[in-house]
Every structure is written in C-alpha cells, then in structure tokens.
C-alpha cells in the first residue's frame, strides 16, 4: 500500500497544481533529438539544440542559418564546453556551466513547478508550467513528457525573452557533430594556456 502511494504521489501533486522541484523528473531529453526554436526580438533569429543521448552531449547553434556562424558543444560526462568557429578555425574551451549543464537554463532542478495545463507545439504535446527559480524571475514553459522544452517565456528588467519550437525531430544524431573538429587552433579559457592545435 505504501509503495502504491509513493508511486502515485507525483500524479496527485500534479493534479493539485503544485509540484516539487523534482517534478517533472526529466529536465533534459533522454533520447536523440534536435529542436529548432524561433527567438523573440531579432527578426528571423533561430536557435537549434541537438542532443546525443548516448554520449551525454549537447550542440547549440544560433543565427538565421543555425551553425553557420559557429556553435557550442557541451560534454556532460567530461564537464567540458567548447565554442567552435569554422570561419576562424578555432575551438575555445569554456568553463563548465555548472548551474545548468546539459539541461535547458530555463529548467532548474531547484525551482518550484506549478502545472498550468497542456498544449501542442511543433506537433508534439507538452505540459505548461510556471517555473519559479530561487532568486530569478519566473518562467512559463511547455515541456514534453520526455524532457524536451518546446517553449519558454520570461521577463528580465522589462524585456520579454521568449522562444518557441518550430521544428522537432527525434532520431539518431551524427556523433561527429558533437565533437570539436581536429586541426583547429585551441584557445583554453579554463587554464590560460596559449593556443595550440587539436
């Protein structure tokens, strides 16, 4: 009986509206997926986030044509971050973003989640949440059951910041796209060492 009550607790809390910080349990995708977002503000601005689940890696691209100006790779297992510029042929090693890591910055595990309903975005169902991170403005977000953020909206110092998925693609990702290219000059901002090559 006790086991059954424990198993049902998240559902009961969700039905009441207020849920603990650990729910939804999945705050990052659990399988390979690529999401393209339209960003508020700059016209035509896009962002693409791609996950390689087997290696716990994330690739983030910005721009009218995501990836053309460069991209960032996060290595969840090695706790390393790389910013790649194909134009300059450089790889900049960045300090690990410890607060968020591979999960979306809008989805903090220490936040309070309030369920507000359901919606469908980019062809996929998602749950609407009001997220209240400690010491930060609230975020409204729509998250799929398997941890994919499809929309987020917040306001910082009077400026509205929003993004919404316009394309959602599940399927195997090419592992090579989640590793820094060989032969590029490396600038390591974590050690202060001079540039070298991979």
C-alpha atoms as a PDB file:
ATOM      1  CA  UNK A   1       0.000   0.000   0.000  1.00  0.00           C
ATOM      2  CA  UNK A   2       2.790   2.398   0.945  1.00  0.00           C
ATOM      3  CA  UNK A   3       4.607   1.626  -2.305  1.00  0.00           C
ATOM      4  CA  UNK A   4       1.461   2.398  -4.295  1.00  0.00           C
ATOM      5  CA  UNK A   5       1.014   5.751  -2.538  1.00  0.00           C
ATOM      6  CA  UNK A   6       4.608   6.719  -3.243  1.00  0.00           C
ATOM      7  CA  UNK A   7       4.227   5.823  -6.906  1.00  0.00           C
ATOM      8  CA  UNK A   8       1.030   7.860  -7.193  1.00  0.00           C
ATOM      9  CA  UNK A   9       2.338  10.925  -5.339  1.00  0.00           C
ATOM     10  CA  UNK A  10       3.689  12.834  -8.397  1.00  0.00           C
ATOM     11  CA  UNK A  11       0.384  12.385 -10.222  1.00  0.00           C
ATOM     12  CA  UNK A  12      -1.623  13.539  -7.218  1.00  0.00           C
ATOM     13  CA  UNK A  13       0.564  16.600  -6.775  1.00  0.00           C
ATOM     14  CA  UNK A  14       0.360  17.436 -10.477  1.00  0.00           C
ATOM     15  CA  UNK A  15      -3.417  17.212 -10.341  1.00  0.00           C
ATOM     16  CA  UNK A  16      -3.427  19.702  -7.462  1.00  0.00           C
ATOM     17  CA  UNK A  17      -1.279  22.120  -9.471  1.00  0.00           C
ATOM     18  CA  UNK A  18       1.764  22.487  -7.190  1.00  0.00           C
ATOM     19  CA  UNK A  19       4.615  20.056  -7.663  1.00  0.00           C
ATOM     20  CA  UNK A  20       8.030  19.710  -6.003  1.00  0.00           C
ATOM     21  CA  UNK A  21      11.247  20.764  -7.698  1.00  0.00           C
ATOM     22  CA  UNK A  22      11.986  17.200  -8.753  1.00  0.00           C
ATOM     23  CA  UNK A  23       8.889  17.090 -10.992  1.00  0.00           C
ATOM     24  CA  UNK A  24       8.828  16.808 -13.954  1.00  0.00           C
ATOM     25  CA  UNK A  25      11.514  14.185 -13.385  1.00  0.00           C
ATOM     26  CA  UNK A  26      13.038  14.647 -16.830  1.00  0.00           C
ATOM     27  CA  UNK A  27      14.571  18.104 -17.216  1.00  0.00           C
ATOM     28  CA  UNK A  28      16.647  17.153 -20.266  1.00  0.00           C
ATOM     29  CA  UNK A  29      15.925  14.871 -23.254  1.00  0.00           C
ATOM     30  CA  UNK A  30      16.511  11.156 -22.715  1.00  0.00           C
ATOM     31  CA  UNK A  31      16.942  10.299 -26.409  1.00  0.00           C
ATOM     32  CA  UNK A  32      18.477  11.803 -29.543  1.00  0.00           C
ATOM     33  CA  UNK A  33      16.503  14.821 -30.678  1.00  0.00           C
ATOM     34  CA  UNK A  34      17.002  18.177 -32.431  1.00  0.00           C
ATOM     35  CA  UNK A  35      14.814  21.212 -31.774  1.00  0.00           C
ATOM     36  CA  UNK A  36      14.800  24.453 -33.769  1.00  0.00           C
ATOM     37  CA  UNK A  37      13.426  27.499 -31.930  1.00  0.00           C
ATOM     38  CA  UNK A  38      12.302  30.917 -33.110  1.00  0.00           C
ATOM     39  CA  UNK A  39      13.616  33.570 -30.720  1.00  0.00           C
ATOM     40  CA  UNK A  40      11.844  36.743 -29.692  1.00  0.00           C
ATOM     41  CA  UNK A  41      13.369  40.098 -30.537  1.00  0.00           C
ATOM     42  CA  UNK A  42      15.597  39.859 -33.610  1.00  0.00           C
ATOM     43  CA  UNK A  43      13.595  39.058 -36.733  1.00  0.00           C
ATOM     44  CA  UNK A  44      14.426  35.674 -38.175  1.00  0.00           C
ATOM     45  CA  UNK A  45      16.658  34.696 -35.238  1.00  0.00           C
ATOM     46  CA  UNK A  46      16.787  30.938 -34.712  1.00  0.00           C
ATOM     47  CA  UNK A  47      18.437  28.564 -32.273  1.00  0.00           C
ATOM     48  CA  UNK A  48      18.903  24.823 -32.665  1.00  0.00           C
ATOM     49  CA  UNK A  49      19.641  22.498 -29.750  1.00  0.00           C
ATOM     50  CA  UNK A  50      20.615  18.897 -30.553  1.00  0.00           C
ATOM     51  CA  UNK A  51      21.179  16.082 -28.047  1.00  0.00           C
ATOM     52  CA  UNK A  52      23.342  12.987 -28.413  1.00  0.00           C
ATOM     53  CA  UNK A  53      21.944  10.887 -25.567  1.00  0.00           C
ATOM     54  CA  UNK A  54      24.456   8.003 -25.662  1.00  0.00           C
ATOM     55  CA  UNK A  55      27.374  10.375 -25.017  1.00  0.00           C
ATOM     56  CA  UNK A  56      25.504  12.975 -22.937  1.00  0.00           C
ATOM     57  CA  UNK A  57      26.424  15.746 -25.348  1.00  0.00           C
ATOM     58  CA  UNK A  58      24.555  18.862 -26.460  1.00  0.00           C
ATOM     59  CA  UNK A  59      25.167  21.031 -29.535  1.00  0.00           C
ATOM     60  CA  UNK A  60      23.771  24.595 -29.643  1.00  0.00           C
ATOM     61  CA  UNK A  61      23.658  26.725 -32.798  1.00  0.00           C
ATOM     62  CA  UNK A  62      22.381  30.267 -33.404  1.00  0.00           C
ATOM     63  CA  UNK A  63      21.718  32.537 -36.364  1.00  0.00           C
ATOM     64  CA  UNK A  64      19.393  32.925 -39.357  1.00  0.00           C
ATOM     65  CA  UNK A  65      21.041  29.700 -40.566  1.00  0.00           C
ATOM     66  CA  UNK A  66      21.943  27.889 -37.299  1.00  0.00           C
ATOM     67  CA  UNK A  67      25.555  26.726 -37.244  1.00  0.00           C
ATOM     68  CA  UNK A  68      26.868  28.996 -39.997  1.00  0.00           C
ATOM     69  CA  UNK A  69      28.479  31.434 -37.572  1.00  0.00           C
ATOM     70  CA  UNK A  70      29.665  28.698 -35.217  1.00  0.00           C
ATOM     71  CA  UNK A  71      28.290  26.501 -32.475  1.00  0.00           C
ATOM     72  CA  UNK A  72      28.803  25.360 -28.899  1.00  0.00           C
ATOM     73  CA  UNK A  73      29.268  21.779 -27.678  1.00  0.00           C
ATOM     74  CA  UNK A  74      28.640  20.689 -24.087  1.00  0.00           C
ATOM     75  CA  UNK A  75      30.185  17.409 -22.921  1.00  0.00           C
ATOM     76  CA  UNK A  76      28.121  16.304 -19.928  1.00  0.00           C
ATOM     77  CA  UNK A  77      30.368  13.435 -18.893  1.00  0.00           C
ATOM     78  CA  UNK A  78      33.677  15.259 -19.226  1.00  0.00           C
ATOM     79  CA  UNK A  79      32.194  18.508 -17.850  1.00  0.00           C
ATOM     80  CA  UNK A  80      33.699  20.438 -20.755  1.00  0.00           C
ATOM     81  CA  UNK A  81      32.308  23.155 -23.037  1.00  0.00           C
ATOM     82  CA  UNK A  82      33.623  24.123 -26.473  1.00  0.00           C
ATOM     83  CA  UNK A  83      32.782  27.094 -28.699  1.00  0.00           C
ATOM     84  CA  UNK A  84      33.656  26.315 -32.333  1.00  0.00           C
ATOM     85  CA  UNK A  85      34.215  28.808 -35.153  1.00  0.00           C
ATOM     86  CA  UNK A  86      34.543  27.205 -38.583  1.00  0.00           C
ATOM     87  CA  UNK A  87      35.371  30.605 -40.104  1.00  0.00           C
ATOM     88  CA  UNK A  88      38.317  31.246 -37.779  1.00  0.00           C
ATOM     89  CA  UNK A  89      39.057  27.514 -37.428  1.00  0.00           C
ATOM     90  CA  UNK A  90      39.252  27.833 -33.645  1.00  0.00           C
ATOM     91  CA  UNK A  91      37.927  25.871 -30.676  1.00  0.00           C
ATOM     92  CA  UNK A  92      37.554  27.870 -27.459  1.00  0.00           C
ATOM     93  CA  UNK A  93      37.416  25.782 -24.287  1.00  0.00           C
ATOM     94  CA  UNK A  94      34.965  27.430 -21.877  1.00  0.00           C
ATOM     95  CA  UNK A  95      34.350  26.998 -18.142  1.00  0.00           C
ATOM     96  CA  UNK A  96      31.668  24.382 -17.484  1.00  0.00           C
ATOM     97  CA  UNK A  97      28.235  25.990 -16.922  1.00  0.00           C
ATOM     98  CA  UNK A  98      27.685  24.177 -13.633  1.00  0.00           C
ATOM     99  CA  UNK A  99      24.247  25.661 -12.840  1.00  0.00           C
ATOM    100  CA  UNK A 100      22.547  24.239 -15.921  1.00  0.00           C
ATOM    101  CA  UNK A 101      24.882  21.828 -17.668  1.00  0.00           C
ATOM    102  CA  UNK A 102      23.046  19.834 -20.325  1.00  0.00           C
ATOM    103  CA  UNK A 103      19.588  20.783 -19.160  1.00  0.00           C
ATOM    104  CA  UNK A 104      17.993  23.927 -20.524  1.00  0.00           C
ATOM    105  CA  UNK A 105      18.836  27.068 -18.467  1.00  0.00           C
ATOM    106  CA  UNK A 106      15.086  27.624 -18.009  1.00  0.00           C
ATOM    107  CA  UNK A 107      14.738  24.272 -16.218  1.00  0.00           C
ATOM    108  CA  UNK A 108      16.451  24.436 -12.850  1.00  0.00           C
ATOM    109  CA  UNK A 109      16.094  21.424 -10.581  1.00  0.00           C
ATOM    110  CA  UNK A 110      15.866  23.679  -7.507  1.00  0.00           C
ATOM    111  CA  UNK A 111      12.879  25.596  -8.903  1.00  0.00           C
ATOM    112  CA  UNK A 112       9.222  25.352  -7.912  1.00  0.00           C
ATOM    113  CA  UNK A 113       6.991  23.920 -10.668  1.00  0.00           C
ATOM    114  CA  UNK A 114       3.311  24.858 -10.950  1.00  0.00           C
ATOM    115  CA  UNK A 115       1.324  22.967 -13.555  1.00  0.00           C
ATOM    116  CA  UNK A 116      -0.947  25.215 -15.633  1.00  0.00           C
ATOM    117  CA  UNK A 117      -2.324  22.952 -18.365  1.00  0.00           C
ATOM    118  CA  UNK A 118      -1.417  21.300 -21.647  1.00  0.00           C
ATOM    119  CA  UNK A 119      -0.667  22.436 -25.176  1.00  0.00           C
ATOM    120  CA  UNK A 120       0.641  21.201 -28.512  1.00  0.00           C
ATOM    121  CA  UNK A 121       3.706  22.842 -30.064  1.00  0.00           C
ATOM    122  CA  UNK A 122       5.606  21.804 -33.207  1.00  0.00           C
ATOM    123  CA  UNK A 123       3.259  18.846 -33.470  1.00  0.00           C
ATOM    124  CA  UNK A 124       4.042  17.459 -30.012  1.00  0.00           C
ATOM    125  CA  UNK A 125       2.015  17.550 -26.766  1.00  0.00           C
ATOM    126  CA  UNK A 126       3.603  19.321 -23.817  1.00  0.00           C
ATOM    127  CA  UNK A 127       2.717  20.317 -20.267  1.00  0.00           C
ATOM    128  CA  UNK A 128       2.520  24.015 -19.397  1.00  0.00           C
ATOM    129  CA  UNK A 129       4.439  25.008 -16.265  1.00  0.00           C
ATOM    130  CA  UNK A 130       5.068  28.138 -14.284  1.00  0.00           C
ATOM    131  CA  UNK A 131       8.628  27.728 -13.045  1.00  0.00           C
ATOM    132  CA  UNK A 132       9.815  29.788 -10.083  1.00  0.00           C
ATOM    133  CA  UNK A 133      13.611  29.555  -9.698  1.00  0.00           C
ATOM    134  CA  UNK A 134      15.061  30.889  -6.431  1.00  0.00           C
ATOM    135  CA  UNK A 135      16.285  34.460  -6.848  1.00  0.00           C
ATOM    136  CA  UNK A 136      15.270  34.690 -10.519  1.00  0.00           C
ATOM    137  CA  UNK A 137      12.208  35.836 -12.491  1.00  0.00           C
ATOM    138  CA  UNK A 138       9.502  33.220 -13.091  1.00  0.00           C
ATOM    139  CA  UNK A 139       9.468  31.319 -16.374  1.00  0.00           C
ATOM    140  CA  UNK A 140       6.473  29.906 -18.235  1.00  0.00           C
ATOM    141  CA  UNK A 141       7.445  26.811 -20.179  1.00  0.00           C
ATOM    142  CA  UNK A 142       5.930  23.926 -22.104  1.00  0.00           C
ATOM    143  CA  UNK A 143       7.824  20.648 -21.655  1.00  0.00           C
ATOM    144  CA  UNK A 144       7.200  17.242 -23.214  1.00  0.00           C
ATOM    145  CA  UNK A 145       6.888  14.127 -21.051  1.00  0.00           C
ATOM    146  CA  UNK A 146      10.398  13.058 -22.091  1.00  0.00           C
ATOM    147  CA  UNK A 147      12.047  16.344 -21.087  1.00  0.00           C
ATOM    148  CA  UNK A 148      12.130  18.432 -24.285  1.00  0.00           C
ATOM    149  CA  UNK A 149      11.471  22.150 -23.794  1.00  0.00           C
ATOM    150  CA  UNK A 150       9.201  23.420 -26.587  1.00  0.00           C
ATOM    151  CA  UNK A 151       8.535  26.944 -25.379  1.00  0.00           C
ATOM    152  CA  UNK A 152       9.768  29.284 -22.661  1.00  0.00           C
ATOM    153  CA  UNK A 153       8.945  32.873 -21.787  1.00  0.00           C
ATOM    154  CA  UNK A 154      10.199  35.221 -19.076  1.00  0.00           C
ATOM    155  CA  UNK A 155      10.764  38.922 -18.442  1.00  0.00           C
ATOM    156  CA  UNK A 156      14.055  40.393 -17.293  1.00  0.00           C
ATOM    157  CA  UNK A 157      14.330  44.105 -16.471  1.00  0.00           C
ATOM    158  CA  UNK A 158      11.266  44.861 -18.569  1.00  0.00           C
ATOM    159  CA  UNK A 159      12.457  42.880 -21.598  1.00  0.00           C
ATOM    160  CA  UNK A 160      10.462  39.872 -22.772  1.00  0.00           C
ATOM    161  CA  UNK A 161      12.605  36.869 -23.639  1.00  0.00           C
ATOM    162  CA  UNK A 162      10.850  34.020 -25.415  1.00  0.00           C
ATOM    163  CA  UNK A 163      11.427  31.115 -27.737  1.00  0.00           C
ATOM    164  CA  UNK A 164       9.175  28.545 -29.296  1.00  0.00           C
ATOM    165  CA  UNK A 165       9.941  25.335 -31.147  1.00  0.00           C
ATOM    166  CA  UNK A 166       9.113  25.421 -34.833  1.00  0.00           C
ATOM    167  CA  UNK A 167      10.641  22.043 -35.636  1.00  0.00           C
ATOM    168  CA  UNK A 168      11.058  18.925 -33.508  1.00  0.00           C
ATOM    169  CA  UNK A 169      12.935  15.923 -34.885  1.00  0.00           C
ATOM    170  CA  UNK A 170      13.566  12.709 -32.981  1.00  0.00           C
ATOM    171  CA  UNK A 171      16.112  10.300 -34.412  1.00  0.00           C
ATOM    172  CA  UNK A 172      19.789   9.283 -34.349  1.00  0.00           C
ATOM    173  CA  UNK A 173      22.281  12.148 -34.348  1.00  0.00           C
ATOM    174  CA  UNK A 174      25.665  12.007 -36.062  1.00  0.00           C
ATOM    175  CA  UNK A 175      28.258  11.666 -33.231  1.00  0.00           C
ATOM    176  CA  UNK A 176      30.974  13.580 -35.123  1.00  0.00           C
ATOM    177  CA  UNK A 177      28.846  16.755 -34.926  1.00  0.00           C
ATOM    178  CA  UNK A 178      29.184  16.671 -31.137  1.00  0.00           C
ATOM    179  CA  UNK A 179      32.996  16.711 -31.031  1.00  0.00           C
ATOM    180  CA  UNK A 180      35.358  19.619 -31.780  1.00  0.00           C
ATOM    181  CA  UNK A 181      36.910  19.359 -35.272  1.00  0.00           C
ATOM    182  CA  UNK A 182      40.502  18.164 -35.477  1.00  0.00           C
ATOM    183  CA  UNK A 183      43.176  20.558 -36.714  1.00  0.00           C
ATOM    184  CA  UNK A 184      41.578  23.707 -35.295  1.00  0.00           C
ATOM    185  CA  UNK A 185      43.534  26.072 -33.036  1.00  0.00           C
ATOM    186  CA  UNK A 186      42.503  25.669 -29.386  1.00  0.00           C
ATOM    187  CA  UNK A 187      42.101  28.610 -27.009  1.00  0.00           C
ATOM    188  CA  UNK A 188      41.690  27.305 -23.484  1.00  0.00           C
ATOM    189  CA  UNK A 189      39.990  29.866 -21.248  1.00  0.00           C
ATOM    190  CA  UNK A 190      39.980  27.443 -18.321  1.00  0.00           C
ATOM    191  CA  UNK A 191      43.780  27.335 -17.959  1.00  0.00           C
ATOM    192  CA  UNK A 192      45.095  30.497 -19.622  1.00  0.00           C
ATOM    193  CA  UNK A 193      47.490  28.439 -21.754  1.00  0.00           C
ATOM    194  CA  UNK A 194      48.428  29.776 -25.243  1.00  0.00           C
ATOM    195  CA  UNK A 195      46.623  28.461 -28.310  1.00  0.00           C
ATOM    196  CA  UNK A 196      47.526  25.007 -29.606  1.00  0.00           C
ATOM    197  CA  UNK A 197      46.001  22.570 -32.067  1.00  0.00           C
ATOM    198  CA  UNK A 198      43.803  19.529 -31.516  1.00  0.00           C
END
